[in-house]
Amino acid sequence: MAELILTFPIDGTPVKKETKGFTGKKCMSATKFIEDALGTPEGRKFKSEYYEDTNKEQEQDRLKH
């Protein structure tokens, strides 16, 4: 099950957002509405799941050729 986890620090620092259960760039589309409202975070870090779909697509392309 895919999840969006938002942390609103009480000290006024920017909202932290985390996704779970997404692969590839699906996390980006799932959180777009948050970034539209709150801005794009600085120092964005991607989990290994972000690269999964890209790696699978590259492997499929390599096998076709």
PDB file of N, CA and C in Angstrom:
ATOM      1  N   MET A   1       0.849  -1.173   0.000  1.00  0.00           N
ATOM      2  CA  MET A   1       0.000   0.000   0.000  1.00  0.00           C
ATOM      3  C   MET A   1       0.899   1.242   0.000  1.00  0.00           C
ATOM      4  N   ALA A   2       0.613   2.177  -0.874  1.00  0.00           N
ATOM      5  CA  ALA A   2       1.393   3.409  -0.971  1.00  0.00           C
ATOM      6  C   ALA A   2       0.938   4.404   0.103  1.00  0.00           C
ATOM      7  N   GLU A   3       1.907   5.116   0.651  1.00  0.00           N
ATOM      8  CA  GLU A   3       1.618   6.084   1.717  1.00  0.00           C
ATOM      9  C   GLU A   3       2.368   7.391   1.474  1.00  0.00           C
ATOM     10  N   LEU A   4       1.757   8.489   1.904  1.00  0.00           N
ATOM     11  CA  LEU A   4       2.413   9.792   1.982  1.00  0.00           C
ATOM     12  C   LEU A   4       2.507  10.134   3.455  1.00  0.00           C
ATOM     13  N   ILE A   5       3.703  10.452   3.918  1.00  0.00           N
ATOM     14  CA  ILE A   5       3.910  10.781   5.322  1.00  0.00           C
ATOM     15  C   ILE A   5       4.399  12.225   5.388  1.00  0.00           C
ATOM     16  N   LEU A   6       3.633  13.061   6.051  1.00  0.00           N
ATOM     17  CA  LEU A   6       3.986  14.471   6.208  1.00  0.00           C
ATOM     18  C   LEU A   6       4.287  14.745   7.673  1.00  0.00           C
ATOM     19  N   THR A   7       5.387  15.451   7.910  1.00  0.00           N
ATOM     20  CA  THR A   7       5.770  15.835   9.255  1.00  0.00           C
ATOM     21  C   THR A   7       5.800  17.353   9.322  1.00  0.00           C
ATOM     22  N   PHE A   8       5.012  17.910  10.214  1.00  0.00           N
ATOM     23  CA  PHE A   8       4.927  19.361  10.399  1.00  0.00           C
ATOM     24  C   PHE A   8       5.657  19.724  11.690  1.00  0.00           C
ATOM     25  N   PRO A   9       6.934  20.080  11.595  1.00  0.00           N
ATOM     26  CA  PRO A   9       7.693  20.415  12.801  1.00  0.00           C
ATOM     27  C   PRO A   9       7.119  21.643  13.509  1.00  0.00           C
ATOM     28  N   ILE A  10       7.087  21.596  14.822  1.00  0.00           N
ATOM     29  CA  ILE A  10       6.516  22.722  15.572  1.00  0.00           C
ATOM     30  C   ILE A  10       7.482  23.897  15.686  1.00  0.00           C
ATOM     31  N   ASP A  11       8.747  23.671  15.284  1.00  0.00           N
ATOM     32  CA  ASP A  11       9.724  24.756  15.381  1.00  0.00           C
ATOM     33  C   ASP A  11       9.735  25.664  14.149  1.00  0.00           C
ATOM     34  N   GLY A  12       8.816  25.432  13.227  1.00  0.00           N
ATOM     35  CA  GLY A  12       8.709  26.299  12.052  1.00  0.00           C
ATOM     36  C   GLY A  12       9.589  25.901  10.885  1.00  0.00           C
ATOM     37  N   THR A  13      10.366  24.830  11.019  1.00  0.00           N
ATOM     38  CA  THR A  13      11.168  24.373   9.886  1.00  0.00           C
ATOM     39  C   THR A  13      10.238  23.794   8.829  1.00  0.00           C
ATOM     40  N   PRO A  14      10.719  23.676   7.604  1.00  0.00           N
ATOM     41  CA  PRO A  14       9.845  23.209   6.514  1.00  0.00           C
ATOM     42  C   PRO A  14       9.234  21.832   6.779  1.00  0.00           C
ATOM     43  N   VAL A  15       8.072  21.647   6.196  1.00  0.00           N
ATOM     44  CA  VAL A  15       7.369  20.365   6.280  1.00  0.00           C
ATOM     45  C   VAL A  15       8.237  19.299   5.628  1.00  0.00           C
ATOM     46  N   LYS A  16       8.306  18.137   6.273  1.00  0.00           N
ATOM     47  CA  LYS A  16       9.056  17.018   5.708  1.00  0.00           C
ATOM     48  C   LYS A  16       8.061  16.061   5.081  1.00  0.00           C
ATOM     49  N   LYS A  17       8.401  15.578   3.901  1.00  0.00           N
ATOM     50  CA  LYS A  17       7.506  14.652   3.225  1.00  0.00           C
ATOM     51  C   LYS A  17       8.266  13.399   2.879  1.00  0.00           C
ATOM     52  N   GLU A  18       7.590  12.277   3.043  1.00  0.00           N
ATOM     53  CA  GLU A  18       8.183  10.982   2.744  1.00  0.00           C
ATOM     54  C   GLU A  18       7.124  10.138   2.049  1.00  0.00           C
ATOM     55  N   THR A  19       7.559   9.324   1.117  1.00  0.00           N
ATOM     56  CA  THR A  19       6.636   8.405   0.465  1.00  0.00           C
ATOM     57  C   THR A  19       7.083   6.977   0.740  1.00  0.00           C
ATOM     58  N   LYS A  20       6.127   6.090   0.791  1.00  0.00           N
ATOM     59  CA  LYS A  20       6.400   4.662   0.952  1.00  0.00           C
ATOM     60  C   LYS A  20       5.506   3.904  -0.015  1.00  0.00           C
ATOM     61  N   GLY A  21       6.058   2.860  -0.604  1.00  0.00           N
ATOM     62  CA  GLY A  21       5.268   1.992  -1.462  1.00  0.00           C
ATOM     63  C   GLY A  21       5.167   2.451  -2.909  1.00  0.00           C
ATOM     64  N   PHE A  22       5.918   3.463  -3.288  1.00  0.00           N
ATOM     65  CA  PHE A  22       5.933   3.927  -4.673  1.00  0.00           C
ATOM     66  C   PHE A  22       7.218   3.454  -5.333  1.00  0.00           C
ATOM     67  N   THR A  23       7.168   3.232  -6.648  1.00  0.00           N
ATOM     68  CA  THR A  23       8.384   2.951  -7.391  1.00  0.00           C
ATOM     69  C   THR A  23       8.496   3.959  -8.523  1.00  0.00           C
ATOM     70  N   GLY A  24       9.713   4.219  -8.915  1.00  0.00           N
ATOM     71  CA  GLY A  24       9.949   5.161 -10.011  1.00  0.00           C
ATOM     72  C   GLY A  24       9.481   6.557  -9.668  1.00  0.00           C
ATOM     73  N   LYS A  25       9.082   7.266 -10.693  1.00  0.00           N
ATOM     74  CA  LYS A  25       8.690   8.667 -10.527  1.00  0.00           C
ATOM     75  C   LYS A  25       7.243   8.841 -10.070  1.00  0.00           C
ATOM     76  N   LYS A  26       6.577   7.752  -9.742  1.00  0.00           N
ATOM     77  CA  LYS A  26       5.187   7.834  -9.272  1.00  0.00           C
ATOM     78  C   LYS A  26       5.076   8.647  -7.985  1.00  0.00           C
ATOM     79  N   CYS A  27       6.136   8.616  -7.187  1.00  0.00           N
ATOM     80  CA  CYS A  27       6.117   9.400  -5.944  1.00  0.00           C
ATOM     81  C   CYS A  27       6.060  10.894  -6.252  1.00  0.00           C
ATOM     82  N   MET A  28       6.682  11.297  -7.361  1.00  0.00           N
ATOM     83  CA  MET A  28       6.689  12.714  -7.731  1.00  0.00           C
ATOM     84  C   MET A  28       5.280  13.188  -8.091  1.00  0.00           C
ATOM     85  N   SER A  29       4.540  12.375  -8.854  1.00  0.00           N
ATOM     86  CA  SER A  29       3.179  12.798  -9.202  1.00  0.00           C
ATOM     87  C   SER A  29       2.242  12.734  -8.007  1.00  0.00           C
ATOM     88  N   ALA A  30       2.521  11.794  -7.096  1.00  0.00           N
ATOM     89  CA  ALA A  30       1.664  11.667  -5.915  1.00  0.00           C
ATOM     90  C   ALA A  30       1.840  12.838  -4.953  1.00  0.00           C
ATOM     91  N   THR A  31       3.007  13.466  -4.970  1.00  0.00           N
ATOM     92  CA  THR A  31       3.261  14.561  -4.036  1.00  0.00           C
ATOM     93  C   THR A  31       3.240  15.936  -4.698  1.00  0.00           C
ATOM     94  N   LYS A  32       2.914  15.987  -5.968  1.00  0.00           N
ATOM     95  CA  LYS A  32       2.910  17.261  -6.698  1.00  0.00           C
ATOM     96  C   LYS A  32       1.998  18.289  -6.034  1.00  0.00           C
ATOM     97  N   PHE A  33       0.827  17.867  -5.609  1.00  0.00           N
ATOM     98  CA  PHE A  33      -0.111  18.816  -4.994  1.00  0.00           C
ATOM     99  C   PHE A  33       0.458  19.417  -3.709  1.00  0.00           C
ATOM    100  N   ILE A  34       1.262  18.645  -2.995  1.00  0.00           N
ATOM    101  CA  ILE A  34       1.883  19.153  -1.772  1.00  0.00           C
ATOM    102  C   ILE A  34       2.936  20.202  -2.120  1.00  0.00           C
ATOM    103  N   GLU A  35       3.760  19.891  -3.110  1.00  0.00           N
ATOM    104  CA  GLU A  35       4.801  20.833  -3.524  1.00  0.00           C
ATOM    105  C   GLU A  35       4.198  22.093  -4.137  1.00  0.00           C
ATOM    106  N   ASP A  36       3.088  21.946  -4.849  1.00  0.00           N
ATOM    107  CA  ASP A  36       2.407  23.121  -5.400  1.00  0.00           C
ATOM    108  C   ASP A  36       1.948  24.050  -4.272  1.00  0.00           C
ATOM    109  N   ALA A  37       1.497  23.456  -3.182  1.00  0.00           N
ATOM    110  CA  ALA A  37       0.994  24.251  -2.058  1.00  0.00           C
ATOM    111  C   ALA A  37       2.098  24.770  -1.148  1.00  0.00           C
ATOM    112  N   LEU A  38       3.123  23.939  -0.896  1.00  0.00           N
ATOM    113  CA  LEU A  38       4.131  24.284   0.107  1.00  0.00           C
ATOM    114  C   LEU A  38       5.505  24.616  -0.470  1.00  0.00           C
ATOM    115  N   GLY A  39       5.681  24.383  -1.750  1.00  0.00           N
ATOM    116  CA  GLY A  39       6.978  24.628  -2.374  1.00  0.00           C
ATOM    117  C   GLY A  39       7.804  23.362  -2.492  1.00  0.00           C
ATOM    118  N   THR A  40       8.778  23.399  -3.362  1.00  0.00           N
ATOM    119  CA  THR A  40       9.664  22.254  -3.576  1.00  0.00           C
ATOM    120  C   THR A  40      10.735  22.248  -2.492  1.00  0.00           C
ATOM    121  N   PRO A  41      10.953  21.106  -1.864  1.00  0.00           N
ATOM    122  CA  PRO A  41      11.938  21.054  -0.782  1.00  0.00           C
ATOM    123  C   PRO A  41      13.372  21.179  -1.287  1.00  0.00           C
ATOM    124  N   GLU A  42      14.206  21.797  -0.481  1.00  0.00           N
ATOM    125  CA  GLU A  42      15.634  21.852  -0.792  1.00  0.00           C
ATOM    126  C   GLU A  42      16.277  20.580  -0.265  1.00  0.00           C
ATOM    127  N   GLY A  43      17.318  20.142  -0.915  1.00  0.00           N
ATOM    128  CA  GLY A  43      18.023  18.962  -0.445  1.00  0.00           C
ATOM    129  C   GLY A  43      17.214  17.686  -0.570  1.00  0.00           C
ATOM    130  N   ARG A  44      16.435  17.582  -1.636  1.00  0.00           N
ATOM    131  CA  ARG A  44      15.591  16.404  -1.845  1.00  0.00           C
ATOM    132  C   ARG A  44      16.462  15.156  -1.954  1.00  0.00           C
ATOM    133  N   LYS A  45      16.021  14.089  -1.312  1.00  0.00           N
ATOM    134  CA  LYS A  45      16.726  12.814  -1.373  1.00  0.00           C
ATOM    135  C   LYS A  45      15.749  11.764  -1.882  1.00  0.00           C
ATOM    136  N   PHE A  46      16.257  10.891  -2.734  1.00  0.00           N
ATOM    137  CA  PHE A  46      15.428   9.824  -3.278  1.00  0.00           C
ATOM    138  C   PHE A  46      15.842   8.490  -2.677  1.00  0.00           C
ATOM    139  N   LYS A  47      14.840   7.670  -2.400  1.00  0.00           N
ATOM    140  CA  LYS A  47      15.092   6.321  -1.913  1.00  0.00           C
ATOM    141  C   LYS A  47      15.423   5.427  -3.112  1.00  0.00           C
ATOM    142  N   SER A  48      15.900   4.239  -2.838  1.00  0.00           N
ATOM    143  CA  SER A  48      16.263   3.316  -3.925  1.00  0.00           C
ATOM    144  C   SER A  48      15.048   2.954  -4.784  1.00  0.00           C
ATOM    145  N   GLU A  49      13.847   2.980  -4.203  1.00  0.00           N
ATOM    146  CA  GLU A  49      12.638   2.655  -4.961  1.00  0.00           C
ATOM    147  C   GLU A  49      12.407   3.623  -6.115  1.00  0.00           C
ATOM    148  N   TYR A  50      12.901   4.843  -5.980  1.00  0.00           N
ATOM    149  CA  TYR A  50      12.743   5.845  -7.033  1.00  0.00           C
ATOM    150  C   TYR A  50      13.397   5.367  -8.329  1.00  0.00           C
ATOM    151  N   TYR A  51      14.487   4.637  -8.207  1.00  0.00           N
ATOM    152  CA  TYR A  51      15.250   4.208  -9.375  1.00  0.00           C
ATOM    153  C   TYR A  51      14.808   2.853  -9.921  1.00  0.00           C
ATOM    154  N   GLU A  52      13.889   2.172  -9.263  1.00  0.00           N
ATOM    155  CA  GLU A  52      13.491   0.825  -9.682  1.00  0.00           C
ATOM    156  C   GLU A  52      12.880   0.778 -11.066  1.00  0.00           C
ATOM    157  N   ASP A  53      11.876   1.578 -11.347  1.00  0.00           N
ATOM    158  CA  ASP A  53      11.238   1.543 -12.657  1.00  0.00           C
ATOM    159  C   ASP A  53      12.219   1.919 -13.750  1.00  0.00           C
ATOM    160  N   THR A  54      13.065   2.891 -13.505  1.00  0.00           N
ATOM    161  CA  THR A  54      14.039   3.322 -14.497  1.00  0.00           C
ATOM    162  C   THR A  54      14.981   2.180 -14.836  1.00  0.00           C
ATOM    163  N   ASN A  55      15.451   1.464 -13.829  1.00  0.00           N
ATOM    164  CA  ASN A  55      16.353   0.342 -14.056  1.00  0.00           C
ATOM    165  C   ASN A  55      15.669  -0.763 -14.840  1.00  0.00           C
ATOM    166  N   LYS A  56      14.402  -1.045 -14.532  1.00  0.00           N
ATOM    167  CA  LYS A  56      13.660  -2.086 -15.247  1.00  0.00           C
ATOM    168  C   LYS A  56      13.466  -1.693 -16.702  1.00  0.00           C
ATOM    169  N   GLU A  57      13.111  -0.433 -16.961  1.00  0.00           N
ATOM    170  CA  GLU A  57      12.917   0.036 -18.328  1.00  0.00           C
ATOM    171  C   GLU A  57      14.223  -0.044 -19.115  1.00  0.00           C
ATOM    172  N   GLN A  58      15.346   0.340 -18.511  1.00  0.00           N
ATOM    173  CA  GLN A  58      16.627   0.288 -19.186  1.00  0.00           C
ATOM    174  C   GLN A  58      16.995  -1.158 -19.523  1.00  0.00           C
ATOM    175  N   GLU A  59      16.740  -2.080 -18.604  1.00  0.00           N
ATOM    176  CA  GLU A  59      17.034  -3.488 -18.839  1.00  0.00           C
ATOM    177  C   GLU A  59      16.178  -4.036 -19.968  1.00  0.00           C
ATOM    178  N   GLN A  60      14.883  -3.672 -20.008  1.00  0.00           N
ATOM    179  CA  GLN A  60      14.005  -4.129 -21.076  1.00  0.00           C
ATOM    180  C   GLN A  60      14.469  -3.584 -22.425  1.00  0.00           C
ATOM    181  N   ASP A  61      14.874  -2.333 -22.471  1.00  0.00           N
ATOM    182  CA  ASP A  61      15.381  -1.739 -23.711  1.00  0.00           C
ATOM    183  C   ASP A  61      16.643  -2.459 -24.173  1.00  0.00           C
ATOM    184  N   ARG A  62      17.530  -2.785 -23.220  1.00  0.00           N
ATOM    185  CA  ARG A  62      18.774  -3.463 -23.556  1.00  0.00           C
ATOM    186  C   ARG A  62      18.505  -4.845 -24.150  1.00  0.00           C
ATOM    187  N   LEU A  63      17.512  -5.554 -23.603  1.00  0.00           N
ATOM    188  CA  LEU A  63      17.182  -6.884 -24.099  1.00  0.00           C
ATOM    189  C   LEU A  63      16.541  -6.851 -25.485  1.00  0.00           C
ATOM    190  N   LYS A  64      15.861  -5.763 -25.819  1.00  0.00           N
ATOM    191  CA  LYS A  64      15.224  -5.626 -27.141  1.00  0.00           C
ATOM    192  C   LYS A  64      16.247  -5.458 -28.243  1.00  0.00           C
ATOM    193  N   HIS A  65      17.392  -4.886 -27.918  1.00  0.00           N
ATOM    194  CA  HIS A  65      18.392  -4.566 -28.945  1.00  0.00           C
ATOM    195  C   HIS A  65      19.345  -5.669 -29.060  1.00  0.00           C
TER     196      HIS A  65
END
